[in-house]
Amino acid sequence: MDNQYQTNGENSLIRFKEGLGELSTTLPDFAEKFNSFTEECFKEGSLSQKQKQLIALGISIQAQDEYCMIYHTKGCLDQGCTEQEILEAVAVSAAFGGGAALSQGVTVVRDCMKEFGTLH
């Protein structure tokens, strides 16, 4: 798909993946170990992949990391999270991060939900 027709979330995910690709070229050992580590962290275990994506979304909101908010909102949707589940994760994050976390949740996260499929 041509970048001019992609939405902000899609463009951000593409830029993130391109950056990881460049990192893999420059620091291949680090990139391989980091990817293995994150794959291990997110695989099904006592916590489901869905639960892990919700946790990651809350942490990314608290950390004010827009790329991770987009990535993990998409991950939540891919794992079948409902709008209610995602917004509850936003609310929990806001309990720790206050207005800054809430503002990210009601803007970046909701925009991603609209773009990737749960809100109309």
Protein backbone atom coordinates (compact mmCIF):
# COMPACT_ATOMS: atom_id res chain seq x y z
CA MET A 1 0.00 0.00 0.00
CA ASP A 2 1.30 3.45 -0.89
CA ASN A 3 2.13 5.49 2.26
CA GLN A 4 0.00 8.45 1.13
CA TYR A 5 -3.14 6.31 1.54
CA GLN A 6 -2.24 4.87 4.93
CA THR A 7 -3.56 6.20 8.19
CA ASN A 8 -1.49 7.52 11.07
CA GLY A 9 -1.56 4.23 12.98
CA GLU A 10 -0.54 2.22 9.94
CA ASN A 11 2.25 4.69 9.11
CA SER A 12 3.50 4.57 12.69
CA LEU A 13 3.59 0.77 12.67
CA ILE A 14 5.45 0.79 9.35
CA ARG A 15 7.99 3.34 10.64
CA PHE A 16 8.47 1.27 13.80
CA LYS A 17 9.06 -1.92 11.82
CA GLU A 18 11.44 -0.11 9.45
CA GLY A 19 13.37 1.19 12.45
CA LEU A 20 13.60 -2.31 13.89
CA GLY A 21 14.84 -3.54 10.52
CA GLU A 22 17.59 -0.91 10.49
CA LEU A 23 18.51 -1.81 14.07
CA SER A 24 18.73 -5.47 13.04
CA THR A 25 21.25 -4.50 10.37
CA THR A 26 23.34 -2.35 12.67
CA LEU A 27 23.09 -4.42 15.88
CA PRO A 28 22.00 -7.89 14.75
CA ASP A 29 22.89 -9.72 17.99
CA PHE A 30 21.05 -7.21 20.14
CA ALA A 31 17.99 -7.17 17.86
CA GLU A 32 17.81 -10.96 17.76
CA LYS A 33 18.07 -11.26 21.55
CA PHE A 34 15.58 -8.48 22.16
CA ASN A 35 13.08 -10.03 19.72
CA SER A 36 13.51 -13.44 21.38
CA PHE A 37 12.98 -11.86 24.79
CA THR A 38 9.79 -10.05 23.80
CA GLU A 39 8.42 -13.11 22.01
CA GLU A 40 8.96 -15.10 25.20
CA CYS A 41 7.26 -12.39 27.28
CA PHE A 42 4.17 -12.29 25.08
CA LYS A 43 3.65 -16.00 24.49
CA GLU A 44 0.64 -17.74 26.04
CA GLY A 45 1.27 -18.78 29.63
CA SER A 46 -0.55 -18.38 32.93
CA LEU A 47 -1.65 -15.06 31.47
CA SER A 48 -3.26 -15.14 28.04
CA GLN A 49 -1.81 -13.17 25.14
CA LYS A 50 -4.91 -10.98 25.37
CA GLN A 51 -4.19 -10.16 29.02
CA LYS A 52 -0.54 -9.48 28.24
CA GLN A 53 -1.49 -7.04 25.46
CA LEU A 54 -3.81 -5.18 27.85
CA ILE A 55 -1.01 -4.94 30.41
CA ALA A 56 1.41 -3.71 27.74
CA LEU A 57 -1.11 -1.12 26.59
CA GLY A 58 -1.52 0.21 30.13
CA ILE A 59 2.24 0.41 30.59
CA SER A 60 2.73 2.15 27.24
CA ILE A 61 0.09 4.74 28.17
CA GLN A 62 1.75 5.32 31.53
CA ALA A 63 5.15 5.64 29.81
CA GLN A 64 3.67 8.11 27.26
CA ASP A 65 5.12 5.96 24.44
CA GLU A 66 2.95 6.67 21.40
CA TYR A 67 4.48 3.97 19.19
CA CYS A 68 3.88 1.33 21.85
CA MET A 69 0.34 2.61 22.43
CA ILE A 70 -0.41 2.12 18.74
CA TYR A 71 1.37 -1.25 18.59
CA HIS A 72 -0.36 -2.63 21.69
CA THR A 73 -3.79 -1.21 20.85
CA LYS A 74 -3.48 -3.16 17.59
CA GLY A 75 -2.24 -6.15 19.60
CA CYS A 76 -5.26 -5.92 21.89
CA LEU A 77 -7.62 -5.82 18.92
CA ASP A 78 -5.78 -8.71 17.25
CA GLN A 79 -6.24 -10.74 20.45
CA GLY A 80 -9.99 -10.03 20.49
CA CYS A 81 -10.18 -7.33 23.16
CA THR A 82 -13.41 -5.41 23.26
CA GLU A 83 -13.70 -1.64 23.38
CA GLN A 84 -14.75 -1.98 27.02
CA GLU A 85 -11.66 -4.03 27.94
CA ILE A 86 -9.34 -1.58 26.23
CA LEU A 87 -10.96 1.44 27.86
CA GLU A 88 -10.77 -0.25 31.27
CA ALA A 89 -7.01 -0.67 30.69
CA VAL A 90 -6.92 3.06 29.84
CA ALA A 91 -8.77 3.82 33.09
CA VAL A 92 -6.37 1.74 35.19
CA SER A 93 -3.45 3.51 33.54
CA ALA A 94 -5.09 6.87 34.31
CA ALA A 95 -5.31 5.85 37.97
CA PHE A 96 -1.51 5.86 38.00
CA GLY A 97 -0.75 8.50 35.37
CA GLY A 98 -3.56 10.96 35.92
CA GLY A 99 -4.60 13.37 33.20
CA ALA A 100 -1.57 12.73 31.01
CA ALA A 101 -2.39 9.01 30.79
CA LEU A 102 -6.10 9.67 30.33
CA SER A 103 -5.46 12.15 27.52
CA GLN A 104 -3.41 9.54 25.64
CA GLY A 105 -6.10 6.93 26.17
CA VAL A 106 -8.95 9.06 24.91
CA THR A 107 -6.99 10.28 21.89
CA VAL A 108 -4.24 7.96 20.61
CA VAL A 109 -5.82 4.71 21.80
CA ARG A 110 -9.35 5.62 20.66
CA ASP A 111 -8.00 6.77 17.27
CA CYS A 112 -6.29 3.40 16.87
CA MET A 113 -9.45 1.53 17.84
CA LYS A 114 -11.33 3.48 15.18
CA GLU A 115 -8.62 2.87 12.60
CA PHE A 116 -8.03 -0.79 13.33
CA GLY A 117 -11.61 -1.76 13.76
CA THR A 118 -13.73 -1.57 16.92
CA LEU A 119 -15.19 1.94 16.88
CA HIS A 120 -17.25 3.45 14.12
